[in-house]
Amino acid sequence: MKKDHLEVLLEEMKGKFDLVLEGHDAIRQEIQETRQELGEKIDMNTFRLKALGKKLDAIASGSIASDSYGIV
């Protein structure tokens, strides 16, 4: 009877361990997706900031009319 009981306990432990592994896989996938989304947002904001910097440089150098940007 001890052997049967031990086998049942080991099977239960295996099932719980499998659930933990599934949870870790789900969390890992979510983290990867979030990293991808954040990377894309960072890339877009970097692009926007560079474009804005170029516009500001152009305004500062006088190559663009200041009043078109509301600066008088």
PDB file of N, CA and C in Angstrom:
ATOM      1  N   MET A   1       0.818  -1.197   0.000  1.00  0.00           N
ATOM      2  CA  MET A   1       0.000   0.000   0.000  1.00  0.00           C
ATOM      3  C   MET A   1       0.860   1.257   0.000  1.00  0.00           C
ATOM      4  N   LYS A   2       1.999   1.225   0.593  1.00  0.00           N
ATOM      5  CA  LYS A   2       2.875   2.394   0.604  1.00  0.00           C
ATOM      6  C   LYS A   2       3.320   2.761  -0.802  1.00  0.00           C
ATOM      7  N   LYS A   3       3.595   1.752  -1.617  1.00  0.00           N
ATOM      8  CA  LYS A   3       4.047   2.006  -2.983  1.00  0.00           C
ATOM      9  C   LYS A   3       2.946   2.691  -3.787  1.00  0.00           C
ATOM     10  N   ASP A   4       1.718   2.204  -3.654  1.00  0.00           N
ATOM     11  CA  ASP A   4       0.591   2.811  -4.364  1.00  0.00           C
ATOM     12  C   ASP A   4       0.391   4.263  -3.925  1.00  0.00           C
ATOM     13  N   HIS A   5       0.490   4.474  -2.619  1.00  0.00           N
ATOM     14  CA  HIS A   5       0.316   5.824  -2.084  1.00  0.00           C
ATOM     15  C   HIS A   5       1.410   6.759  -2.610  1.00  0.00           C
ATOM     16  N   LEU A   6       2.630   6.272  -2.643  1.00  0.00           N
ATOM     17  CA  LEU A   6       3.745   7.061  -3.145  1.00  0.00           C
ATOM     18  C   LEU A   6       3.564   7.391  -4.621  1.00  0.00           C
ATOM     19  N   GLU A   7       3.096   6.430  -5.397  1.00  0.00           N
ATOM     20  CA  GLU A   7       2.869   6.661  -6.823  1.00  0.00           C
ATOM     21  C   GLU A   7       1.797   7.729  -7.043  1.00  0.00           C
ATOM     22  N   VAL A   8       0.755   7.691  -6.218  1.00  0.00           N
ATOM     23  CA  VAL A   8      -0.314   8.691  -6.327  1.00  0.00           C
ATOM     24  C   VAL A   8       0.245  10.075  -5.982  1.00  0.00           C
ATOM     25  N   LEU A   9       1.019  10.159  -4.917  1.00  0.00           N
ATOM     26  CA  LEU A   9       1.618  11.432  -4.539  1.00  0.00           C
ATOM     27  C   LEU A   9       2.546  11.965  -5.618  1.00  0.00           C
ATOM     28  N   LEU A  10       3.368  11.097  -6.177  1.00  0.00           N
ATOM     29  CA  LEU A  10       4.282  11.518  -7.242  1.00  0.00           C
ATOM     30  C   LEU A  10       3.518  11.991  -8.471  1.00  0.00           C
ATOM     31  N   GLU A  11       2.430  11.337  -8.784  1.00  0.00           N
ATOM     32  CA  GLU A  11       1.615  11.742  -9.941  1.00  0.00           C
ATOM     33  C   GLU A  11       0.984  13.116  -9.693  1.00  0.00           C
ATOM     34  N   GLU A  12       0.508  13.343  -8.470  1.00  0.00           N
ATOM     35  CA  GLU A  12      -0.059  14.643  -8.127  1.00  0.00           C
ATOM     36  C   GLU A  12       1.008  15.737  -8.205  1.00  0.00           C
ATOM     37  N   MET A  13       2.201  15.428  -7.699  1.00  0.00           N
ATOM     38  CA  MET A  13       3.289  16.396  -7.755  1.00  0.00           C
ATOM     39  C   MET A  13       3.662  16.708  -9.192  1.00  0.00           C
ATOM     40  N   LYS A  14       3.683  15.677 -10.029  1.00  0.00           N
ATOM     41  CA  LYS A  14       4.009  15.883 -11.439  1.00  0.00           C
ATOM     42  C   LYS A  14       2.982  16.798 -12.097  1.00  0.00           C
ATOM     43  N   GLY A  15       1.712  16.596 -11.791  1.00  0.00           N
ATOM     44  CA  GLY A  15       0.660  17.429 -12.355  1.00  0.00           C
ATOM     45  C   GLY A  15       0.802  18.881 -11.929  1.00  0.00           C
ATOM     46  N   LYS A  16       1.118  19.078 -10.656  1.00  0.00           N
ATOM     47  CA  LYS A  16       1.297  20.445 -10.165  1.00  0.00           C
ATOM     48  C   LYS A  16       2.540  21.088 -10.766  1.00  0.00           C
ATOM     49  N   PHE A  17       3.584  20.317 -10.906  1.00  0.00           N
ATOM     50  CA  PHE A  17       4.804  20.826 -11.522  1.00  0.00           C
ATOM     51  C   PHE A  17       4.539  21.230 -12.970  1.00  0.00           C
ATOM     52  N   ASP A  18       3.765  20.410 -13.676  1.00  0.00           N
ATOM     53  CA  ASP A  18       3.404  20.752 -15.062  1.00  0.00           C
ATOM     54  C   ASP A  18       2.619  22.067 -15.123  1.00  0.00           C
ATOM     55  N   LEU A  19       1.724  22.280 -14.142  1.00  0.00           N
ATOM     56  CA  LEU A  19       0.966  23.532 -14.101  1.00  0.00           C
ATOM     57  C   LEU A  19       1.889  24.732 -13.882  1.00  0.00           C
ATOM     58  N   VAL A  20       2.881  24.565 -13.012  1.00  0.00           N
ATOM     59  CA  VAL A  20       3.843  25.639 -12.779  1.00  0.00           C
ATOM     60  C   VAL A  20       4.609  25.940 -14.062  1.00  0.00           C
ATOM     61  N   LEU A  21       5.035  24.912 -14.770  1.00  0.00           N
ATOM     62  CA  LEU A  21       5.764  25.109 -16.028  1.00  0.00           C
ATOM     63  C   LEU A  21       4.893  25.815 -17.061  1.00  0.00           C
ATOM     64  N   GLU A  22       3.620  25.440 -17.142  1.00  0.00           N
ATOM     65  CA  GLU A  22       2.710  26.102 -18.072  1.00  0.00           C
ATOM     66  C   GLU A  22       2.550  27.573 -17.714  1.00  0.00           C
ATOM     67  N   GLY A  23       2.451  27.855 -16.416  1.00  0.00           N
ATOM     68  CA  GLY A  23       2.335  29.243 -15.973  1.00  0.00           C
ATOM     69  C   GLY A  23       3.571  30.049 -16.334  1.00  0.00           C
ATOM     70  N   HIS A  24       4.741  29.439 -16.155  1.00  0.00           N
ATOM     71  CA  HIS A  24       5.988  30.126 -16.506  1.00  0.00           C
ATOM     72  C   HIS A  24       6.053  30.395 -18.000  1.00  0.00           C
ATOM     73  N   ASP A  25       5.623  29.438 -18.799  1.00  0.00           N
ATOM     74  CA  ASP A  25       5.619  29.643 -20.251  1.00  0.00           C
ATOM     75  C   ASP A  25       4.685  30.785 -20.643  1.00  0.00           C
ATOM     76  N   ALA A  26       3.517  30.841 -19.989  1.00  0.00           N
ATOM     77  CA  ALA A  26       2.562  31.907 -20.302  1.00  0.00           C
ATOM     78  C   ALA A  26       3.141  33.264 -19.911  1.00  0.00           C
ATOM     79  N   ILE A  27       3.768  33.331 -18.747  1.00  0.00           N
ATOM     80  CA  ILE A  27       4.374  34.589 -18.305  1.00  0.00           C
ATOM     81  C   ILE A  27       5.513  34.990 -19.228  1.00  0.00           C
ATOM     82  N   ARG A  28       6.331  34.027 -19.628  1.00  0.00           N
ATOM     83  CA  ARG A  28       7.447  34.316 -20.531  1.00  0.00           C
ATOM     84  C   ARG A  28       6.925  34.879 -21.855  1.00  0.00           C
ATOM     85  N   GLN A  29       5.868  34.295 -22.376  1.00  0.00           N
ATOM     86  CA  GLN A  29       5.290  34.768 -23.637  1.00  0.00           C
ATOM     87  C   GLN A  29       4.763  36.189 -23.483  1.00  0.00           C
ATOM     88  N   GLU A  30       4.085  36.451 -22.366  1.00  0.00           N
ATOM     89  CA  GLU A  30       3.550  37.783 -22.119  1.00  0.00           C
ATOM     90  C   GLU A  30       4.676  38.814 -22.016  1.00  0.00           C
ATOM     91  N   ILE A  31       5.751  38.460 -21.343  1.00  0.00           N
ATOM     92  CA  ILE A  31       6.899  39.361 -21.220  1.00  0.00           C
ATOM     93  C   ILE A  31       7.507  39.641 -22.588  1.00  0.00           C
ATOM     94  N   GLN A  32       7.644  38.610 -23.415  1.00  0.00           N
ATOM     95  CA  GLN A  32       8.212  38.799 -24.753  1.00  0.00           C
ATOM     96  C   GLN A  32       7.336  39.720 -25.597  1.00  0.00           C
ATOM     97  N   GLU A  33       6.019  39.532 -25.508  1.00  0.00           N
ATOM     98  CA  GLU A  33       5.109  40.384 -26.275  1.00  0.00           C
ATOM     99  C   GLU A  33       5.180  41.834 -25.792  1.00  0.00           C
ATOM    100  N   THR A  34       5.257  42.009 -24.479  1.00  0.00           N
ATOM    101  CA  THR A  34       5.347  43.355 -23.916  1.00  0.00           C
ATOM    102  C   THR A  34       6.650  44.030 -24.322  1.00  0.00           C
ATOM    103  N   ARG A  35       7.742  43.277 -24.293  1.00  0.00           N
ATOM    104  CA  ARG A  35       9.030  43.830 -24.724  1.00  0.00           C
ATOM    105  C   ARG A  35       8.973  44.268 -26.183  1.00  0.00           C
ATOM    106  N   GLN A  36       8.340  43.462 -27.008  1.00  0.00           N
ATOM    107  CA  GLN A  36       8.227  43.799 -28.431  1.00  0.00           C
ATOM    108  C   GLN A  36       7.419  45.083 -28.607  1.00  0.00           C
ATOM    109  N   GLU A  37       6.280  45.164 -27.910  1.00  0.00           N
ATOM    110  CA  GLU A  37       5.439  46.352 -28.015  1.00  0.00           C
ATOM    111  C   GLU A  37       6.181  47.591 -27.525  1.00  0.00           C
ATOM    112  N   LEU A  38       6.864  47.465 -26.400  1.00  0.00           N
ATOM    113  CA  LEU A  38       7.611  48.604 -25.865  1.00  0.00           C
ATOM    114  C   LEU A  38       8.748  49.014 -26.796  1.00  0.00           C
ATOM    115  N   GLY A  39       9.418  48.041 -27.378  1.00  0.00           N
ATOM    116  CA  GLY A  39      10.493  48.340 -28.329  1.00  0.00           C
ATOM    117  C   GLY A  39       9.970  49.126 -29.522  1.00  0.00           C
ATOM    118  N   GLU A  40       8.805  48.725 -30.019  1.00  0.00           N
ATOM    119  CA  GLU A  40       8.214  49.427 -31.147  1.00  0.00           C
ATOM    120  C   GLU A  40       7.839  50.860 -30.761  1.00  0.00           C
ATOM    121  N   LYS A  41       7.295  51.031 -29.556  1.00  0.00           N
ATOM    122  CA  LYS A  41       6.932  52.376 -29.100  1.00  0.00           C
ATOM    123  C   LYS A  41       8.178  53.238 -28.906  1.00  0.00           C
ATOM    124  N   ILE A  42       9.217  52.664 -28.364  1.00  0.00           N
ATOM    125  CA  ILE A  42      10.469  53.402 -28.177  1.00  0.00           C
ATOM    126  C   ILE A  42      11.037  53.821 -29.526  1.00  0.00           C
ATOM    127  N   ASP A  43      11.021  52.901 -30.491  1.00  0.00           N
ATOM    128  CA  ASP A  43      11.515  53.231 -31.834  1.00  0.00           C
ATOM    129  C   ASP A  43      10.715  54.376 -32.448  1.00  0.00           C
ATOM    130  N   MET A  44       9.389  54.339 -32.293  1.00  0.00           N
ATOM    131  CA  MET A  44       8.538  55.386 -32.861  1.00  0.00           C
ATOM    132  C   MET A  44       8.822  56.720 -32.174  1.00  0.00           C
ATOM    133  N   ASN A  45       8.947  56.708 -30.863  1.00  0.00           N
ATOM    134  CA  ASN A  45       9.226  57.956 -30.145  1.00  0.00           C
ATOM    135  C   ASN A  45      10.612  58.501 -30.469  1.00  0.00           C
ATOM    136  N   THR A  46      11.574  57.622 -30.659  1.00  0.00           N
ATOM    137  CA  THR A  46      12.909  58.055 -31.060  1.00  0.00           C
ATOM    138  C   THR A  46      12.854  58.742 -32.417  1.00  0.00           C
ATOM    139  N   PHE A  47      12.119  58.158 -33.334  1.00  0.00           N
ATOM    140  CA  PHE A  47      11.940  58.749 -34.662  1.00  0.00           C
ATOM    141  C   PHE A  47      11.297  60.133 -34.553  1.00  0.00           C
ATOM    142  N   ARG A  48      10.241  60.220 -33.751  1.00  0.00           N
ATOM    143  CA  ARG A  48       9.536  61.491 -33.592  1.00  0.00           C
ATOM    144  C   ARG A  48      10.436  62.555 -32.963  1.00  0.00           C
ATOM    145  N   LEU A  49      11.201  62.149 -31.967  1.00  0.00           N
ATOM    146  CA  LEU A  49      12.091  63.113 -31.318  1.00  0.00           C
ATOM    147  C   LEU A  49      13.175  63.608 -32.273  1.00  0.00           C
ATOM    148  N   LYS A  50      13.699  62.717 -33.091  1.00  0.00           N
ATOM    149  CA  LYS A  50      14.704  63.137 -34.073  1.00  0.00           C
ATOM    150  C   LYS A  50      14.094  64.109 -35.079  1.00  0.00           C
ATOM    151  N   ALA A  51      12.883  63.819 -35.539  1.00  0.00           N
ATOM    152  CA  ALA A  51      12.209  64.707 -36.485  1.00  0.00           C
ATOM    153  C   ALA A  51      11.946  66.060 -35.836  1.00  0.00           C
ATOM    154  N   LEU A  52      11.509  66.045 -34.593  1.00  0.00           N
ATOM    155  CA  LEU A  52      11.268  67.295 -33.888  1.00  0.00           C
ATOM    156  C   LEU A  52      12.568  68.079 -33.712  1.00  0.00           C
ATOM    157  N   GLY A  53      13.638  67.380 -33.385  1.00  0.00           N
ATOM    158  CA  GLY A  53      14.942  68.032 -33.238  1.00  0.00           C
ATOM    159  C   GLY A  53      15.382  68.692 -34.523  1.00  0.00           C
ATOM    160  N   LYS A  54      15.159  68.023 -35.644  1.00  0.00           N
ATOM    161  CA  LYS A  54      15.518  68.613 -36.935  1.00  0.00           C
ATOM    162  C   LYS A  54      14.698  69.862 -37.220  1.00  0.00           C
ATOM    163  N   LYS A  55      13.400  69.807 -36.885  1.00  0.00           N
ATOM    164  CA  LYS A  55      12.553  70.985 -37.091  1.00  0.00           C
ATOM    165  C   LYS A  55      13.022  72.142 -36.213  1.00  0.00           C
ATOM    166  N   LEU A  56      13.351  71.841 -34.968  1.00  0.00           N
ATOM    167  CA  LEU A  56      13.825  72.894 -34.067  1.00  0.00           C
ATOM    168  C   LEU A  56      15.149  73.475 -34.543  1.00  0.00           C
ATOM    169  N   ASP A  57      16.035  72.616 -35.016  1.00  0.00           N
ATOM    170  CA  ASP A  57      17.303  73.093 -35.558  1.00  0.00           C
ATOM    171  C   ASP A  57      17.076  73.996 -36.762  1.00  0.00           C
ATOM    172  N   ALA A  58      16.126  73.607 -37.617  1.00  0.00           N
ATOM    173  CA  ALA A  58      15.826  74.409 -38.795  1.00  0.00           C
ATOM    174  C   ALA A  58      15.252  75.761 -38.394  1.00  0.00           C
ATOM    175  N   ILE A  59      14.391  75.765 -37.388  1.00  0.00           N
ATOM    176  CA  ILE A  59      13.823  77.024 -36.913  1.00  0.00           C
ATOM    177  C   ILE A  59      14.921  77.897 -36.328  1.00  0.00           C
ATOM    178  N   ALA A  60      15.776  77.293 -35.527  1.00  0.00           N
ATOM    179  CA  ALA A  60      16.851  78.040 -34.876  1.00  0.00           C
ATOM    180  C   ALA A  60      17.829  78.615 -35.894  1.00  0.00           C
ATOM    181  N   SER A  61      18.046  77.903 -36.975  1.00  0.00           N
ATOM    182  CA  SER A  61      18.990  78.390 -37.987  1.00  0.00           C
ATOM    183  C   SER A  61      18.341  79.394 -38.931  1.00  0.00           C
ATOM    184  N   GLY A  62      17.030  79.547 -38.832  1.00  0.00           N
ATOM    185  CA  GLY A  62      16.331  80.531 -39.651  1.00  0.00           C
ATOM    186  C   GLY A  62      15.936  80.026 -41.015  1.00  0.00           C
ATOM    187  N   SER A  63      16.118  78.748 -41.280  1.00  0.00           N
ATOM    188  CA  SER A  63      15.760  78.242 -42.608  1.00  0.00           C
ATOM    189  C   SER A  63      14.268  77.979 -42.743  1.00  0.00           C
ATOM    190  N   ILE A  64      13.552  78.054 -41.650  1.00  0.00           N
ATOM    191  CA  ILE A  64      12.093  77.917 -41.698  1.00  0.00           C
ATOM    192  C   ILE A  64      11.515  79.155 -41.036  1.00  0.00           C
ATOM    193  N   ALA A  65      10.471  79.708 -41.617  1.00  0.00           N
ATOM    194  CA  ALA A  65       9.862  80.914 -41.066  1.00  0.00           C
ATOM    195  C   ALA A  65       9.301  80.614 -39.682  1.00  0.00           C
ATOM    196  N   SER A  66       9.728  81.357 -38.717  1.00  0.00           N
ATOM    197  CA  SER A  66       9.333  81.136 -37.321  1.00  0.00           C
ATOM    198  C   SER A  66       7.854  81.325 -37.120  1.00  0.00           C
ATOM    199  N   ASP A  67       7.255  82.289 -37.808  1.00  0.00           N
ATOM    200  CA  ASP A  67       5.850  82.597 -37.553  1.00  0.00           C
ATOM    201  C   ASP A  67       4.932  81.464 -37.996  1.00  0.00           C
ATOM    202  N   SER A  68       5.365  80.551 -38.864  1.00  0.00           N
ATOM    203  CA  SER A  68       4.520  79.435 -39.254  1.00  0.00           C
ATOM    204  C   SER A  68       4.363  78.422 -38.137  1.00  0.00           C
ATOM    205  N   TYR A  69       5.228  78.528 -37.114  1.00  0.00           N
ATOM    206  CA  TYR A  69       5.125  77.650 -35.962  1.00  0.00           C
ATOM    207  C   TYR A  69       4.559  78.363 -34.750  1.00  0.00           C
ATOM    208  N   GLY A  70       4.028  79.556 -34.957  1.00  0.00           N
ATOM    209  CA  GLY A  70       3.455  80.301 -33.873  1.00  0.00           C
ATOM    210  C   GLY A  70       4.475  81.054 -33.032  1.00  0.00           C
ATOM    211  N   ILE A  71       5.676  81.168 -33.570  1.00  0.00           N
ATOM    212  CA  ILE A  71       6.738  81.878 -32.866  1.00  0.00           C
ATOM    213  C   ILE A  71       6.946  83.200 -33.579  1.00  0.00           C
ATOM    214  N   VAL A  72       6.864  84.266 -32.863  1.00  0.00           N
ATOM    215  CA  VAL A  72       7.001  85.572 -33.502  1.00  0.00           C
ATOM    216  C   VAL A  72       8.246  86.259 -33.013  1.00  0.00           C
TER     217      VAL A  72
END
